C-alpha atoms as a PDB file:
ATOM      1  CA  UNK A   1      12.799   3.597  16.336  1.00  0.00           C
ATOM      2  CA  UNK A   2       8.932   3.673  17.249  1.00  0.00           C
ATOM      3  CA  UNK A   3       8.838   7.681  16.619  1.00  0.00           C
ATOM      4  CA  UNK A   4      10.470   7.018  13.104  1.00  0.00           C
ATOM      5  CA  UNK A   5       8.160   4.449  12.479  1.00  0.00           C
ATOM      6  CA  UNK A   6       5.041   6.671  12.966  1.00  0.00           C
ATOM      7  CA  UNK A   7       6.267   9.416  10.702  1.00  0.00           C
ATOM      8  CA  UNK A   8       7.149   7.573   8.071  1.00  0.00           C
ATOM      9  CA  UNK A   9       3.992   5.618   8.225  1.00  0.00           C
ATOM     10  CA  UNK A  10       1.859   8.935   8.600  1.00  0.00           C
ATOM     11  CA  UNK A  11       4.069   9.971   5.531  1.00  0.00           C
ATOM     12  CA  UNK A  12       3.048   6.832   3.754  1.00  0.00           C
ATOM     13  CA  UNK A  13      -0.846   7.449   4.177  1.00  0.00           C
ATOM     14  CA  UNK A  14      -0.642  11.526   3.252  1.00  0.00           C
ATOM     15  CA  UNK A  15       1.130  10.552   0.110  1.00  0.00           C
ATOM     16  CA  UNK A  16      -0.830   8.093  -0.726  1.00  0.00           C
ATOM     17  CA  UNK A  17      -4.428  10.332  -0.487  1.00  0.00           C
ATOM     18  CA  UNK A  18      -2.612  12.539  -2.406  1.00  0.00           C
ATOM     19  CA  UNK A  19      -1.962   9.830  -5.114  1.00  0.00           C
ATOM     20  CA  UNK A  20      -5.784   8.848  -4.943  1.00  0.00           C
ATOM     21  CA  UNK A  21      -6.822  12.305  -5.460  1.00  0.00           C
ATOM     22  CA  UNK A  22      -4.182  13.469  -8.125  1.00  0.00           C
ATOM     23  CA  UNK A  23      -4.236  10.357 -10.731  1.00  0.00           C
ATOM     24  CA  UNK A  24      -7.126   9.674 -12.571  1.00  0.00           C
ATOM     25  CA  UNK A  25      -6.166   5.974 -14.410  1.00  0.00           C
ATOM     26  CA  UNK A  26      -6.910   3.699 -11.392  1.00  0.00           C
ATOM     27  CA  UNK A  27      -4.204   1.255 -12.904  1.00  0.00           C
ATOM     28  CA  UNK A  28      -1.555   4.199 -12.625  1.00  0.00           C
ATOM     29  CA  UNK A  29      -2.167   5.381  -9.312  1.00  0.00           C
ATOM     30  CA  UNK A  30      -2.116   2.089  -8.310  1.00  0.00           C
ATOM     31  CA  UNK A  31       1.300   1.282  -9.606  1.00  0.00           C
ATOM     32  CA  UNK A  32       2.768   4.387  -7.960  1.00  0.00           C
ATOM     33  CA  UNK A  33       1.260   3.221  -5.097  1.00  0.00           C
ATOM     34  CA  UNK A  34       2.838   0.118  -5.017  1.00  0.00           C
ATOM     35  CA  UNK A  35       6.451   1.745  -5.662  1.00  0.00           C
ATOM     36  CA  UNK A  36       5.651   4.254  -2.727  1.00  0.00           C
ATOM     37  CA  UNK A  37       5.183   1.535  -0.323  1.00  0.00           C
ATOM     38  CA  UNK A  38       8.167  -0.618  -1.614  1.00  0.00           C
ATOM     39  CA  UNK A  39      10.077   2.799  -1.151  1.00  0.00           C
ATOM     40  CA  UNK A  40       9.069   3.259   1.894  1.00  0.00           C
ATOM     41  CA  UNK A  41       9.795  -0.446   3.203  1.00  0.00           C
ATOM     42  CA  UNK A  42      13.240  -0.183   1.750  1.00  0.00           C
ATOM     43  CA  UNK A  43      13.781   3.610   3.825  1.00  0.00           C
ATOM     44  CA  UNK A  44      12.774   1.584   6.890  1.00  0.00           C
ATOM     45  CA  UNK A  45      15.129  -1.271   6.297  1.00  0.00           C
ATOM     46  CA  UNK A  46      17.921   0.904   5.865  1.00  0.00           C
ATOM     47  CA  UNK A  47      17.289   3.036   8.720  1.00  0.00           C
ATOM     48  CA  UNK A  48      17.136  -0.402  11.025  1.00  0.00           C
ATOM     49  CA  UNK A  49      20.440  -1.405   9.562  1.00  0.00           C
ATOM     50  CA  UNK A  50      21.523   1.632   9.997  1.00  0.00           C
ATOM     51  CA  UNK A  51      20.460   2.422  13.341  1.00  0.00           C
ATOM     52  CA  UNK A  52      19.506  -1.057  14.737  1.00  0.00           C
ATOM     53  CA  UNK A  53      17.065  -1.828  17.691  1.00  0.00           C
ATOM     54  CA  UNK A  54      17.287  -1.035  21.321  1.00  0.00           C
ATOM     55  CA  UNK A  55      16.586  -4.337  22.366  1.00  0.00           C
ATOM     56  CA  UNK A  56      15.104  -7.730  21.583  1.00  0.00           C
ATOM     57  CA  UNK A  57      11.782  -6.613  22.575  1.00  0.00           C
ATOM     58  CA  UNK A  58      11.799  -3.674  20.305  1.00  0.00           C
ATOM     59  CA  UNK A  59      12.729  -5.613  17.337  1.00  0.00           C
ATOM     60  CA  UNK A  60       9.965  -8.273  18.243  1.00  0.00           C
ATOM     61  CA  UNK A  61       7.246  -5.401  18.449  1.00  0.00           C
ATOM     62  CA  UNK A  62       8.686  -4.280  14.948  1.00  0.00           C
ATOM     63  CA  UNK A  63       8.375  -7.262  13.393  1.00  0.00           C
ATOM     64  CA  UNK A  64       5.187  -8.694  14.846  1.00  0.00           C
ATOM     65  CA  UNK A  65       2.786  -5.204  15.294  1.00  0.00           C
ATOM     66  CA  UNK A  66       4.619  -2.334  12.892  1.00  0.00           C
ATOM     67  CA  UNK A  67       6.120  -3.700   9.654  1.00  0.00           C
ATOM     68  CA  UNK A  68       2.936  -6.177   9.170  1.00  0.00           C
ATOM     69  CA  UNK A  69       1.138  -2.506   8.819  1.00  0.00           C
ATOM     70  CA  UNK A  70       2.624  -1.440   6.286  1.00  0.00           C
ATOM     71  CA  UNK A  71       2.995  -4.976   4.211  1.00  0.00           C
ATOM     72  CA  UNK A  72      -0.582  -5.387   4.088  1.00  0.00           C
ATOM     73  CA  UNK A  73      -0.905  -2.016   2.770  1.00  0.00           C
ATOM     74  CA  UNK A  74       1.042  -3.572  -0.419  1.00  0.00           C
ATOM     75  CA  UNK A  75      -0.794  -6.781  -0.399  1.00  0.00           C
ATOM     76  CA  UNK A  76      -4.256  -4.982  -0.681  1.00  0.00           C
ATOM     77  CA  UNK A  77      -2.812  -2.547  -3.377  1.00  0.00           C
ATOM     78  CA  UNK A  78      -1.353  -5.646  -5.177  1.00  0.00           C
ATOM     79  CA  UNK A  79      -4.707  -7.668  -5.042  1.00  0.00           C
ATOM     80  CA  UNK A  80      -6.616  -4.160  -6.014  1.00  0.00           C
ATOM     81  CA  UNK A  81      -3.910  -3.801  -9.081  1.00  0.00           C
ATOM     82  CA  UNK A  82      -4.431  -7.593 -10.339  1.00  0.00           C
ATOM     83  CA  UNK A  83      -8.466  -6.589 -10.513  1.00  0.00           C
ATOM     84  CA  UNK A  84      -7.687  -3.986 -12.230  1.00  0.00           C
ATOM     85  CA  UNK A  85      -5.429  -5.050 -14.762  1.00  0.00           C
ATOM     86  CA  UNK A  86      -7.311  -8.539 -15.415  1.00  0.00           C
ATOM     87  CA  UNK A  87     -10.601  -6.503 -16.162  1.00  0.00           C
ATOM     88  CA  UNK A  88     -11.773  -6.522 -19.654  1.00  0.00           C
ATOM     89  CA  UNK A  89     -12.459  -3.639 -21.513  1.00  0.00           C
ATOM     90  CA  UNK A  90     -15.114  -4.103 -23.897  1.00  0.00           C
ATOM     91  CA  UNK A  91     -17.354  -1.828 -25.259  1.00  0.00           C
ATOM     92  CA  UNK A  92     -20.378  -3.124 -25.394  1.00  0.00           C
ATOM     93  CA  UNK A  93     -22.791  -1.709 -22.789  1.00  0.00           C
ATOM     94  CA  UNK A  94     -23.815  -4.594 -20.057  1.00  0.00           C
ATOM     95  CA  UNK A  95     -27.693  -5.547 -20.228  1.00  0.00           C
ATOM     96  CA  UNK A  96     -29.556  -4.522 -17.417  1.00  0.00           C
ATOM     97  CA  UNK A  97     -31.585  -8.200 -16.229  1.00  0.00           C
ATOM     98  CA  UNK A  98     -34.968  -7.354 -14.116  1.00  0.00           C
ATOM     99  CA  UNK A  99     -36.770 -10.330 -12.613  1.00  0.00           C
ATOM    100  CA  UNK A 100     -40.046  -9.982 -14.546  1.00  0.00           C
ATOM    101  CA  UNK A 101     -42.834 -12.063 -12.527  1.00  0.00           C
END
């Protein structure tokens, strides 16, 4: 399970880096990353259902240490997505206010 997890995590991080380079629009990029992370979690779930864990220690290690790494990425990109989608699209320039004594 550790080998599969490490390969999956490396592949996910590489694909995220590629998406960050290729996509210009930040909202579209973030949506693509979120979909990629969800697909990765789904693939891991299918692998676990097919193969299973060797013992309880491996299962506890996965749910306590390995899975949270990927879920944290999902939470992070979802938070950025919420910020980006609520950002105003105004055309007026913001005035630079300087403090003068």
